[in-house]
């Protein structure tokens, strides 16, 4: 399982996380424990949104 810290490392990762939160419409991710493993369904959604954000 993956954590938010692993998916979004460093300062650039925080910016990407904000963009992913906006894309998904999930502001509650900012309150999520970044060291806690993500549920598989949530991880898939976050990874897909991250791919979309990075693609532009």
C-alpha atoms as a PDB file:
ATOM      1  CA  UNK A   1       0.000   0.000   0.000  1.00  0.00           C
ATOM      2  CA  UNK A   2       1.081   3.542  -0.717  1.00  0.00           C
ATOM      3  CA  UNK A   3       0.872   6.702   1.393  1.00  0.00           C
ATOM      4  CA  UNK A   4       0.316  10.294   0.293  1.00  0.00           C
ATOM      5  CA  UNK A   5       3.903  11.104   1.310  1.00  0.00           C
ATOM      6  CA  UNK A   6       5.182   8.453  -1.087  1.00  0.00           C
ATOM      7  CA  UNK A   7       3.003   9.664  -3.958  1.00  0.00           C
ATOM      8  CA  UNK A   8       3.692  13.364  -3.363  1.00  0.00           C
ATOM      9  CA  UNK A   9       7.221  13.860  -1.984  1.00  0.00           C
ATOM     10  CA  UNK A  10       8.675  17.300  -1.302  1.00  0.00           C
ATOM     11  CA  UNK A  11       7.375  20.784  -2.017  1.00  0.00           C
ATOM     12  CA  UNK A  12       6.502  20.078  -5.642  1.00  0.00           C
ATOM     13  CA  UNK A  13       4.558  17.060  -4.399  1.00  0.00           C
ATOM     14  CA  UNK A  14       2.462  19.295  -2.167  1.00  0.00           C
ATOM     15  CA  UNK A  15       1.554  21.452  -5.140  1.00  0.00           C
ATOM     16  CA  UNK A  16       0.609  18.366  -7.147  1.00  0.00           C
ATOM     17  CA  UNK A  17      -1.477  17.109  -4.212  1.00  0.00           C
ATOM     18  CA  UNK A  18      -3.402  20.394  -4.170  1.00  0.00           C
ATOM     19  CA  UNK A  19      -4.089  20.080  -7.885  1.00  0.00           C
ATOM     20  CA  UNK A  20      -5.212  16.456  -7.423  1.00  0.00           C
ATOM     21  CA  UNK A  21      -7.525  17.479  -4.560  1.00  0.00           C
ATOM     22  CA  UNK A  22      -9.122  20.109  -6.793  1.00  0.00           C
ATOM     23  CA  UNK A  23      -9.478  17.683  -9.715  1.00  0.00           C
ATOM     24  CA  UNK A  24     -11.111  15.044  -7.512  1.00  0.00           C
ATOM     25  CA  UNK A  25     -13.179  17.540  -5.525  1.00  0.00           C
ATOM     26  CA  UNK A  26     -11.841  16.016  -2.309  1.00  0.00           C
ATOM     27  CA  UNK A  27     -10.562  18.786  -0.003  1.00  0.00           C
ATOM     28  CA  UNK A  28     -10.682  16.275   2.864  1.00  0.00           C
ATOM     29  CA  UNK A  29      -7.422  14.801   1.541  1.00  0.00           C
ATOM     30  CA  UNK A  30      -5.634  17.762   3.143  1.00  0.00           C
ATOM     31  CA  UNK A  31      -6.709  16.450   6.568  1.00  0.00           C
ATOM     32  CA  UNK A  32      -5.805  12.848   5.722  1.00  0.00           C
ATOM     33  CA  UNK A  33      -2.822  11.423   7.627  1.00  0.00           C
ATOM     34  CA  UNK A  34      -0.085  11.517   4.961  1.00  0.00           C
ATOM     35  CA  UNK A  35       1.729   8.546   6.529  1.00  0.00           C
ATOM     36  CA  UNK A  36      -1.350   6.311   6.619  1.00  0.00           C
ATOM     37  CA  UNK A  37      -1.689   3.771   3.782  1.00  0.00           C
ATOM     38  CA  UNK A  38      -4.395   4.686   1.283  1.00  0.00           C
ATOM     39  CA  UNK A  39      -7.311   2.374   0.630  1.00  0.00           C
ATOM     40  CA  UNK A  40      -6.877   0.601  -2.731  1.00  0.00           C
ATOM     41  CA  UNK A  41      -9.858   2.349  -4.385  1.00  0.00           C
ATOM     42  CA  UNK A  42      -8.740   5.787  -3.171  1.00  0.00           C
ATOM     43  CA  UNK A  43      -5.174   5.072  -4.267  1.00  0.00           C
ATOM     44  CA  UNK A  44      -6.360   4.249  -7.799  1.00  0.00           C
ATOM     45  CA  UNK A  45      -8.386   7.473  -7.982  1.00  0.00           C
ATOM     46  CA  UNK A  46      -5.476   9.557  -6.699  1.00  0.00           C
ATOM     47  CA  UNK A  47      -2.997   7.921  -9.092  1.00  0.00           C
ATOM     48  CA  UNK A  48      -5.337   8.502 -12.055  1.00  0.00           C
ATOM     49  CA  UNK A  49      -5.858  12.151 -11.090  1.00  0.00           C
ATOM     50  CA  UNK A  50      -2.091  12.587 -10.627  1.00  0.00           C
ATOM     51  CA  UNK A  51      -1.504  11.172 -14.097  1.00  0.00           C
ATOM     52  CA  UNK A  52      -4.076  13.619 -15.523  1.00  0.00           C
ATOM     53  CA  UNK A  53      -2.510  16.562 -13.670  1.00  0.00           C
ATOM     54  CA  UNK A  54       0.974  15.680 -14.880  1.00  0.00           C
ATOM     55  CA  UNK A  55      -0.280  15.251 -18.457  1.00  0.00           C
ATOM     56  CA  UNK A  56      -1.779  18.726 -18.374  1.00  0.00           C
END
